Protein backbone atom coordinates (compact mmCIF):
# COMPACT_ATOMS: atom_id res chain seq x y z
CA UNK A 1 0.00 0.00 0.00
CA UNK A 2 2.02 2.96 -1.25
CA UNK A 3 -0.62 5.44 -0.06
CA UNK A 4 0.98 5.28 3.39
CA UNK A 5 4.31 6.42 1.96
CA UNK A 6 2.48 9.15 0.01
CA UNK A 7 0.80 10.31 3.24
CA UNK A 8 4.09 10.22 5.14
CA UNK A 9 5.72 12.28 2.37
CA UNK A 10 2.95 14.86 2.70
CA UNK A 11 3.49 14.95 6.47
CA UNK A 12 7.23 15.54 5.91
CA UNK A 13 6.55 18.44 3.54
CA UNK A 14 4.07 19.97 6.00
CA UNK A 15 6.48 19.64 8.92
CA UNK A 16 9.37 21.15 6.95
CA UNK A 17 7.27 24.10 5.76
CA UNK A 18 5.79 24.67 9.23
CA UNK A 19 9.29 24.77 10.68
CA UNK A 20 10.42 27.26 8.00
CA UNK A 21 7.44 29.50 8.82
CA UNK A 22 8.20 29.19 12.55
CA UNK A 23 4.64 28.03 13.09
CA UNK A 24 3.30 25.39 15.47
CA UNK A 25 0.66 23.58 13.44
CA UNK A 26 -1.26 23.40 10.20
CA UNK A 27 -4.94 24.34 10.14
CA UNK A 28 -5.56 23.56 6.45
CA UNK A 29 -3.73 21.52 3.84
CA UNK A 30 -4.74 21.62 0.19
CA UNK A 31 -3.59 18.77 -2.03
CA UNK A 32 -3.73 18.46 -5.81
CA UNK A 33 -3.92 14.85 -6.96
CA UNK A 34 -4.47 13.71 -10.53
CA UNK A 35 -6.61 10.72 -11.38
CA UNK A 36 -3.62 9.26 -13.24
CA UNK A 37 -1.20 9.69 -10.30
CA UNK A 38 -1.74 6.13 -9.14
CA UNK A 39 -3.22 7.13 -5.78
CA UNK A 40 -6.24 5.20 -4.52
CA UNK A 41 -8.28 7.87 -2.75
CA UNK A 42 -10.07 5.40 -0.45
CA UNK A 43 -6.72 3.95 0.65
CA UNK A 44 -5.32 7.43 1.28
CA UNK A 45 -8.39 8.23 3.41
CA UNK A 46 -7.84 4.99 5.33
CA UNK A 47 -4.16 5.62 6.16
CA UNK A 48 -4.44 9.38 6.72
CA UNK A 49 -5.39 9.32 10.45
CA UNK A 50 -2.45 7.04 11.31
CA UNK A 51 0.00 9.05 9.18
CA UNK A 52 -0.88 12.43 10.72
CA UNK A 53 -1.21 11.32 14.34
CA UNK A 54 1.07 13.39 16.63
CA UNK A 55 2.20 15.62 13.72
CA UNK A 56 1.51 19.21 12.68
CA UNK A 57 -1.29 17.85 10.47
CA UNK A 58 -3.19 16.00 13.19
CA UNK A 59 -6.02 18.54 13.48
CA UNK A 60 -5.72 20.07 10.01
CA UNK A 61 -8.60 20.23 7.57
CA UNK A 62 -7.69 18.43 4.34
CA UNK A 63 -8.94 19.51 0.93
CA UNK A 64 -8.16 17.55 -2.22
CA UNK A 65 -8.42 19.08 -5.69
CA UNK A 66 -8.81 16.09 -8.03
CA UNK A 67 -7.45 16.70 -11.53
CA UNK A 68 -9.02 14.85 -14.44
CA UNK A 69 -6.73 13.07 -16.88
CA UNK A 70 -6.18 14.88 -20.17
CA UNK A 71 -4.17 13.75 -23.14
CA UNK A 72 -3.25 15.19 -26.50
CA UNK A 73 -3.14 12.94 -29.53
CA UNK A 74 0.26 12.75 -31.18
CA UNK A 75 -1.30 12.17 -34.61
CA UNK A 76 -4.24 14.59 -34.85
CA UNK A 77 -3.57 16.95 -31.86
CA UNK A 78 -7.02 16.35 -30.34
CA UNK A 79 -7.15 17.04 -26.58
CA UNK A 80 -9.31 14.46 -24.80
CA UNK A 81 -10.17 13.14 -21.35
CA UNK A 82 -8.30 10.04 -20.22
CA UNK A 83 -9.50 7.58 -17.60
CA UNK A 84 -6.61 5.13 -18.11
CA UNK A 85 -3.12 5.43 -19.62
CA UNK A 86 -4.08 3.05 -22.41
CA UNK A 87 -7.08 5.09 -23.64
CA UNK A 88 -6.86 5.90 -27.34
CA UNK A 89 -7.82 9.09 -29.16
CA UNK A 90 -11.59 9.26 -29.61
CA UNK A 91 -11.20 11.14 -32.92
CA UNK A 92 -8.63 9.05 -34.85
CA UNK A 93 -8.13 5.98 -32.63
CA UNK A 94 -4.38 6.52 -32.23
CA UNK A 95 -2.66 5.28 -29.08
CA UNK A 96 0.12 7.85 -29.46
CA UNK A 97 -0.56 10.61 -26.94
CA UNK A 98 1.01 12.91 -24.43
CA UNK A 99 -0.41 13.25 -20.93
CA UNK A 100 -1.03 16.95 -20.29
CA UNK A 101 -2.92 16.70 -16.99
CA UNK A 102 -3.78 14.12 -14.37
CA UNK A 103 -0.44 12.93 -12.99
CA UNK A 104 -0.19 15.70 -10.36
CA UNK A 105 0.61 14.84 -6.76
CA UNK A 106 1.48 17.98 -4.82
CA UNK A 107 0.85 20.01 -1.73
CA UNK A 108 -0.88 23.06 -3.16
CA UNK A 109 -1.20 25.17 0.00
CA UNK A 110 -0.76 25.13 3.78
CA UNK A 111 -2.34 27.42 6.34
CA UNK A 112 -0.29 27.52 9.52
CA UNK A 113 -0.56 29.15 12.94
C-alpha atoms as a PDB file:
ATOM      1  CA  UNK A   1       0.000   0.000   0.000  1.00  0.00           C
ATOM      2  CA  UNK A   2       2.019   2.955  -1.250  1.00  0.00           C
ATOM      3  CA  UNK A   3      -0.617   5.439  -0.058  1.00  0.00           C
ATOM      4  CA  UNK A   4       0.976   5.276   3.394  1.00  0.00           C
ATOM      5  CA  UNK A   5       4.311   6.417   1.958  1.00  0.00           C
ATOM      6  CA  UNK A   6       2.477   9.147   0.010  1.00  0.00           C
ATOM      7  CA  UNK A   7       0.796  10.312   3.241  1.00  0.00           C
ATOM      8  CA  UNK A   8       4.095  10.224   5.136  1.00  0.00           C
ATOM      9  CA  UNK A   9       5.719  12.280   2.369  1.00  0.00           C
ATOM     10  CA  UNK A  10       2.949  14.860   2.702  1.00  0.00           C
ATOM     11  CA  UNK A  11       3.494  14.955   6.472  1.00  0.00           C
ATOM     12  CA  UNK A  12       7.233  15.541   5.915  1.00  0.00           C
ATOM     13  CA  UNK A  13       6.552  18.437   3.545  1.00  0.00           C
ATOM     14  CA  UNK A  14       4.073  19.974   6.002  1.00  0.00           C
ATOM     15  CA  UNK A  15       6.482  19.638   8.922  1.00  0.00           C
ATOM     16  CA  UNK A  16       9.371  21.146   6.951  1.00  0.00           C
ATOM     17  CA  UNK A  17       7.269  24.097   5.763  1.00  0.00           C
ATOM     18  CA  UNK A  18       5.789  24.665   9.229  1.00  0.00           C
ATOM     19  CA  UNK A  19       9.290  24.772  10.685  1.00  0.00           C
ATOM     20  CA  UNK A  20      10.416  27.265   7.997  1.00  0.00           C
ATOM     21  CA  UNK A  21       7.443  29.500   8.821  1.00  0.00           C
ATOM     22  CA  UNK A  22       8.205  29.192  12.552  1.00  0.00           C
ATOM     23  CA  UNK A  23       4.636  28.028  13.090  1.00  0.00           C
ATOM     24  CA  UNK A  24       3.302  25.391  15.467  1.00  0.00           C
ATOM     25  CA  UNK A  25       0.657  23.578  13.438  1.00  0.00           C
ATOM     26  CA  UNK A  26      -1.256  23.402  10.196  1.00  0.00           C
ATOM     27  CA  UNK A  27      -4.940  24.335  10.144  1.00  0.00           C
ATOM     28  CA  UNK A  28      -5.562  23.560   6.453  1.00  0.00           C
ATOM     29  CA  UNK A  29      -3.732  21.521   3.841  1.00  0.00           C
ATOM     30  CA  UNK A  30      -4.736  21.615   0.185  1.00  0.00           C
ATOM     31  CA  UNK A  31      -3.588  18.769  -2.035  1.00  0.00           C
ATOM     32  CA  UNK A  32      -3.729  18.463  -5.806  1.00  0.00           C
ATOM     33  CA  UNK A  33      -3.920  14.853  -6.965  1.00  0.00           C
ATOM     34  CA  UNK A  34      -4.469  13.711 -10.530  1.00  0.00           C
ATOM     35  CA  UNK A  35      -6.607  10.715 -11.384  1.00  0.00           C
ATOM     36  CA  UNK A  36      -3.616   9.260 -13.241  1.00  0.00           C
ATOM     37  CA  UNK A  37      -1.197   9.693 -10.304  1.00  0.00           C
ATOM     38  CA  UNK A  38      -1.736   6.126  -9.141  1.00  0.00           C
ATOM     39  CA  UNK A  39      -3.221   7.127  -5.782  1.00  0.00           C
ATOM     40  CA  UNK A  40      -6.240   5.202  -4.517  1.00  0.00           C
ATOM     41  CA  UNK A  41      -8.284   7.870  -2.747  1.00  0.00           C
ATOM     42  CA  UNK A  42     -10.068   5.399  -0.448  1.00  0.00           C
ATOM     43  CA  UNK A  43      -6.720   3.950   0.652  1.00  0.00           C
ATOM     44  CA  UNK A  44      -5.322   7.427   1.277  1.00  0.00           C
ATOM     45  CA  UNK A  45      -8.386   8.231   3.406  1.00  0.00           C
ATOM     46  CA  UNK A  46      -7.836   4.990   5.334  1.00  0.00           C
ATOM     47  CA  UNK A  47      -4.157   5.620   6.163  1.00  0.00           C
ATOM     48  CA  UNK A  48      -4.444   9.382   6.717  1.00  0.00           C
ATOM     49  CA  UNK A  49      -5.387   9.315  10.450  1.00  0.00           C
ATOM     50  CA  UNK A  50      -2.445   7.042  11.308  1.00  0.00           C
ATOM     51  CA  UNK A  51       0.000   9.051   9.179  1.00  0.00           C
ATOM     52  CA  UNK A  52      -0.881  12.430  10.723  1.00  0.00           C
ATOM     53  CA  UNK A  53      -1.208  11.317  14.345  1.00  0.00           C
ATOM     54  CA  UNK A  54       1.072  13.390  16.627  1.00  0.00           C
ATOM     55  CA  UNK A  55       2.198  15.621  13.715  1.00  0.00           C
ATOM     56  CA  UNK A  56       1.512  19.208  12.677  1.00  0.00           C
ATOM     57  CA  UNK A  57      -1.291  17.849  10.469  1.00  0.00           C
ATOM     58  CA  UNK A  58      -3.188  15.997  13.195  1.00  0.00           C
ATOM     59  CA  UNK A  59      -6.021  18.539  13.478  1.00  0.00           C
ATOM     60  CA  UNK A  60      -5.718  20.071  10.012  1.00  0.00           C
ATOM     61  CA  UNK A  61      -8.597  20.233   7.574  1.00  0.00           C
ATOM     62  CA  UNK A  62      -7.689  18.435   4.341  1.00  0.00           C
ATOM     63  CA  UNK A  63      -8.941  19.505   0.927  1.00  0.00           C
ATOM     64  CA  UNK A  64      -8.164  17.551  -2.220  1.00  0.00           C
ATOM     65  CA  UNK A  65      -8.416  19.079  -5.688  1.00  0.00           C
ATOM     66  CA  UNK A  66      -8.809  16.088  -8.030  1.00  0.00           C
ATOM     67  CA  UNK A  67      -7.455  16.704 -11.528  1.00  0.00           C
ATOM     68  CA  UNK A  68      -9.017  14.845 -14.441  1.00  0.00           C
ATOM     69  CA  UNK A  69      -6.726  13.069 -16.877  1.00  0.00           C
ATOM     70  CA  UNK A  70      -6.178  14.881 -20.169  1.00  0.00           C
ATOM     71  CA  UNK A  71      -4.172  13.750 -23.139  1.00  0.00           C
ATOM     72  CA  UNK A  72      -3.246  15.191 -26.501  1.00  0.00           C
ATOM     73  CA  UNK A  73      -3.142  12.936 -29.526  1.00  0.00           C
ATOM     74  CA  UNK A  74       0.256  12.748 -31.179  1.00  0.00           C
ATOM     75  CA  UNK A  75      -1.296  12.173 -34.606  1.00  0.00           C
ATOM     76  CA  UNK A  76      -4.243  14.590 -34.845  1.00  0.00           C
ATOM     77  CA  UNK A  77      -3.566  16.947 -31.861  1.00  0.00           C
ATOM     78  CA  UNK A  78      -7.019  16.347 -30.338  1.00  0.00           C
ATOM     79  CA  UNK A  79      -7.153  17.044 -26.582  1.00  0.00           C
ATOM     80  CA  UNK A  80      -9.311  14.462 -24.803  1.00  0.00           C
ATOM     81  CA  UNK A  81     -10.169  13.141 -21.345  1.00  0.00           C
ATOM     82  CA  UNK A  82      -8.296  10.038 -20.221  1.00  0.00           C
ATOM     83  CA  UNK A  83      -9.496   7.579 -17.600  1.00  0.00           C
ATOM     84  CA  UNK A  84      -6.608   5.134 -18.115  1.00  0.00           C
ATOM     85  CA  UNK A  85      -3.122   5.425 -19.618  1.00  0.00           C
ATOM     86  CA  UNK A  86      -4.081   3.049 -22.413  1.00  0.00           C
ATOM     87  CA  UNK A  87      -7.081   5.094 -23.640  1.00  0.00           C
ATOM     88  CA  UNK A  88      -6.858   5.900 -27.341  1.00  0.00           C
ATOM     89  CA  UNK A  89      -7.818   9.087 -29.156  1.00  0.00           C
ATOM     90  CA  UNK A  90     -11.591   9.264 -29.613  1.00  0.00           C
ATOM     91  CA  UNK A  91     -11.196  11.138 -32.919  1.00  0.00           C
ATOM     92  CA  UNK A  92      -8.631   9.054 -34.846  1.00  0.00           C
ATOM     93  CA  UNK A  93      -8.129   5.982 -32.633  1.00  0.00           C
ATOM     94  CA  UNK A  94      -4.380   6.523 -32.231  1.00  0.00           C
ATOM     95  CA  UNK A  95      -2.665   5.277 -29.080  1.00  0.00           C
ATOM     96  CA  UNK A  96       0.117   7.850 -29.464  1.00  0.00           C
ATOM     97  CA  UNK A  97      -0.561  10.610 -26.937  1.00  0.00           C
ATOM     98  CA  UNK A  98       1.012  12.914 -24.428  1.00  0.00           C
ATOM     99  CA  UNK A  99      -0.406  13.247 -20.928  1.00  0.00           C
ATOM    100  CA  UNK A 100      -1.032  16.949 -20.291  1.00  0.00           C
ATOM    101  CA  UNK A 101      -2.925  16.702 -16.992  1.00  0.00           C
ATOM    102  CA  UNK A 102      -3.785  14.123 -14.372  1.00  0.00           C
ATOM    103  CA  UNK A 103      -0.436  12.933 -12.992  1.00  0.00           C
ATOM    104  CA  UNK A 104      -0.194  15.696 -10.365  1.00  0.00           C
ATOM    105  CA  UNK A 105       0.609  14.841  -6.760  1.00  0.00           C
ATOM    106  CA  UNK A 106       1.475  17.978  -4.816  1.00  0.00           C
ATOM    107  CA  UNK A 107       0.846  20.012  -1.728  1.00  0.00           C
ATOM    108  CA  UNK A 108      -0.884  23.061  -3.162  1.00  0.00           C
ATOM    109  CA  UNK A 109      -1.204  25.169   0.003  1.00  0.00           C
ATOM    110  CA  UNK A 110      -0.764  25.126   3.776  1.00  0.00           C
ATOM    111  CA  UNK A 111      -2.340  27.419   6.340  1.00  0.00           C
ATOM    112  CA  UNK A 112      -0.290  27.519   9.521  1.00  0.00           C
ATOM    113  CA  UNK A 113      -0.562  29.151  12.939  1.00  0.00           C
END
